[in-house]
Amino acid sequence: MITELAILRIRSDAHAGFEAAFARVAPLLARAEGHVWHRLVATADHDDFYLLEVAWRDLAAHTEHFEPSSAHTEFMEVLGPFLVDEPVVIHVPTATRLGAVQDEDASGDAALPSLLTARAHHSLSG
């Protein structure tokens, strides 16, 4: 699984309208092929920012199936008027429990992504 993290900056006067609009289009997201779960939360430290977190079956479910779909177009058309700028979107491995990610090593234990492992090894050896 992969988790999409989208940082959404909205107009300062638009909180109630944005949340109501999201509630209207959330079913489009929930019905998307490969959608596992999602949540929208207001950030604790910046009044005009929200985090949209979406777990997808895999990266392709988001980037190849949902993004080019008419459902995504409608989703963004409804939310777009509330946004100050384009969302910042990244994808990360989905956590399955505290400190563990979805990827597993050969023994079946949760493994850290290779990039993080490589960085940790480099900083320890250098």
Protein backbone atom coordinates (compact mmCIF):
# COMPACT_ATOMS: atom_id res chain seq x y z
CA MET A 1 0.00 0.00 0.00
CA ILE A 2 0.97 3.59 -0.55
CA THR A 3 -0.26 6.71 1.22
CA GLU A 4 -0.85 9.95 -0.60
CA LEU A 5 -0.26 13.04 1.54
CA ALA A 6 -1.73 16.22 0.08
CA ILE A 7 -1.25 19.57 1.78
CA LEU A 8 -4.15 21.84 0.90
CA ARG A 9 -3.95 25.58 1.56
CA ILE A 10 -7.38 27.19 1.56
CA ARG A 11 -8.68 30.76 1.65
CA SER A 12 -8.76 32.03 5.23
CA ASP A 13 -12.52 32.69 5.10
CA ALA A 14 -13.42 29.31 3.61
CA HIS A 15 -13.16 26.68 6.36
CA ALA A 16 -16.84 25.78 6.68
CA GLY A 17 -17.43 25.90 2.92
CA PHE A 18 -14.35 23.80 2.19
CA GLU A 19 -15.30 21.12 4.72
CA ALA A 20 -18.86 20.98 3.35
CA ALA A 21 -17.54 20.74 -0.23
CA PHE A 22 -15.16 17.95 0.77
CA ALA A 23 -18.03 16.04 2.39
CA ARG A 24 -19.93 16.27 -0.93
CA VAL A 25 -17.06 14.91 -3.05
CA ALA A 26 -15.54 12.42 -0.59
CA PRO A 27 -17.72 9.61 -2.02
CA LEU A 28 -15.96 10.10 -5.39
CA LEU A 29 -12.68 9.37 -3.66
CA ALA A 30 -14.07 6.49 -1.60
CA ARG A 31 -15.44 4.74 -4.71
CA ALA A 32 -12.16 5.04 -6.65
CA GLU A 33 -10.48 1.81 -7.71
CA GLY A 34 -7.71 1.00 -5.24
CA HIS A 35 -8.93 3.41 -2.52
CA VAL A 36 -8.42 1.89 0.93
CA TRP A 37 -9.22 4.75 3.33
CA HIS A 38 -8.87 8.51 3.63
CA ARG A 39 -9.08 11.32 6.13
CA LEU A 40 -9.07 15.09 5.95
CA VAL A 41 -7.73 16.97 8.97
CA ALA A 42 -7.12 20.62 9.71
CA THR A 43 -3.53 21.20 10.72
CA ALA A 44 -2.87 22.12 14.34
CA ASP A 45 -0.28 24.80 13.63
CA HIS A 46 -1.48 26.61 10.47
CA ASP A 47 -5.08 27.80 10.32
CA ASP A 48 -5.42 27.71 6.55
CA PHE A 49 -3.90 24.29 5.87
CA TYR A 50 -5.48 20.85 5.72
CA LEU A 51 -3.88 17.45 5.25
CA LEU A 52 -5.63 14.95 3.00
CA GLU A 53 -4.29 11.48 3.67
CA VAL A 54 -5.36 8.70 1.30
CA ALA A 55 -4.24 5.08 1.44
CA TRP A 56 -4.18 3.45 -1.98
CA ARG A 57 -3.66 -0.18 -2.95
CA ASP A 58 -0.59 0.98 -4.89
CA LEU A 59 0.77 4.12 -6.55
CA ALA A 60 -0.89 3.28 -9.87
CA ALA A 61 -4.33 3.28 -8.24
CA HIS A 62 -3.84 6.96 -7.54
CA THR A 63 -1.70 8.21 -10.41
CA GLU A 64 -2.91 6.01 -13.29
CA HIS A 65 -6.53 5.36 -12.34
CA PHE A 66 -7.93 8.12 -10.12
CA GLU A 67 -6.01 11.21 -11.29
CA PRO A 68 -6.95 10.92 -14.99
CA SER A 69 -10.58 10.01 -14.18
CA SER A 70 -13.70 12.12 -14.48
CA ALA A 71 -14.23 11.54 -10.74
CA HIS A 72 -10.92 13.30 -10.00
CA THR A 73 -11.85 16.14 -12.34
CA GLU A 74 -15.14 16.64 -10.50
CA PHE A 75 -13.39 16.28 -7.12
CA MET A 76 -10.97 19.09 -7.99
CA GLU A 77 -13.61 21.28 -9.64
CA VAL A 78 -15.59 21.32 -6.39
CA LEU A 79 -12.57 21.88 -4.10
CA GLY A 80 -10.59 24.17 -6.42
CA PRO A 81 -12.42 27.42 -5.63
CA PHE A 82 -11.43 27.08 -1.97
CA LEU A 83 -7.72 26.50 -2.64
CA VAL A 84 -5.13 29.28 -2.59
CA ASP A 85 -2.71 27.29 -4.76
CA GLU A 86 -2.08 23.81 -6.13
CA PRO A 87 -1.95 21.06 -3.49
CA VAL A 88 1.49 19.72 -2.59
CA VAL A 89 1.26 15.94 -3.03
CA ILE A 90 3.73 13.24 -2.05
CA HIS A 91 3.47 9.47 -1.67
CA VAL A 92 4.97 7.43 1.17
CA PRO A 93 4.84 3.76 2.19
CA THR A 94 1.74 3.12 4.31
CA ALA A 95 2.40 2.52 8.00
CA THR A 96 0.83 -0.65 9.35
CA ARG A 97 1.79 -0.06 12.97
CA LEU A 98 3.89 2.49 14.82
CA GLY A 99 7.35 2.57 13.28
CA ALA A 100 6.60 -0.02 10.60
CA VAL A 101 5.86 0.38 6.92
CA GLN A 102 3.98 -1.86 4.52
CA ASP A 103 7.11 -3.23 2.79
CA GLU A 104 8.37 -6.49 4.24
CA ASP A 105 11.75 -8.14 4.05
CA ALA A 106 12.28 -11.82 3.22
CA SER A 107 11.60 -12.91 6.79
CA GLY A 108 8.15 -11.28 6.72
CA ASP A 109 9.15 -8.58 9.17
CA ALA A 110 8.33 -4.99 8.33
CA ALA A 111 11.34 -3.38 6.70
CA LEU A 112 12.35 0.23 6.37
CA PRO A 113 12.40 1.67 2.87
CA SER A 114 15.80 1.11 1.30
CA LEU A 115 16.46 4.85 0.98
CA LEU A 116 16.09 5.34 4.73
CA THR A 117 18.22 2.30 5.41
CA ALA A 118 20.89 3.57 3.01
CA ARG A 119 20.92 7.02 4.62
CA ALA A 120 21.16 5.56 8.11
CA HIS A 121 23.99 3.26 7.06
CA HIS A 122 25.83 6.13 5.36
CA SER A 123 25.54 8.42 8.38
CA LEU A 124 26.76 5.66 10.70
CA SER A 125 29.72 4.72 8.53
CA GLY A 126 30.77 8.23 7.57
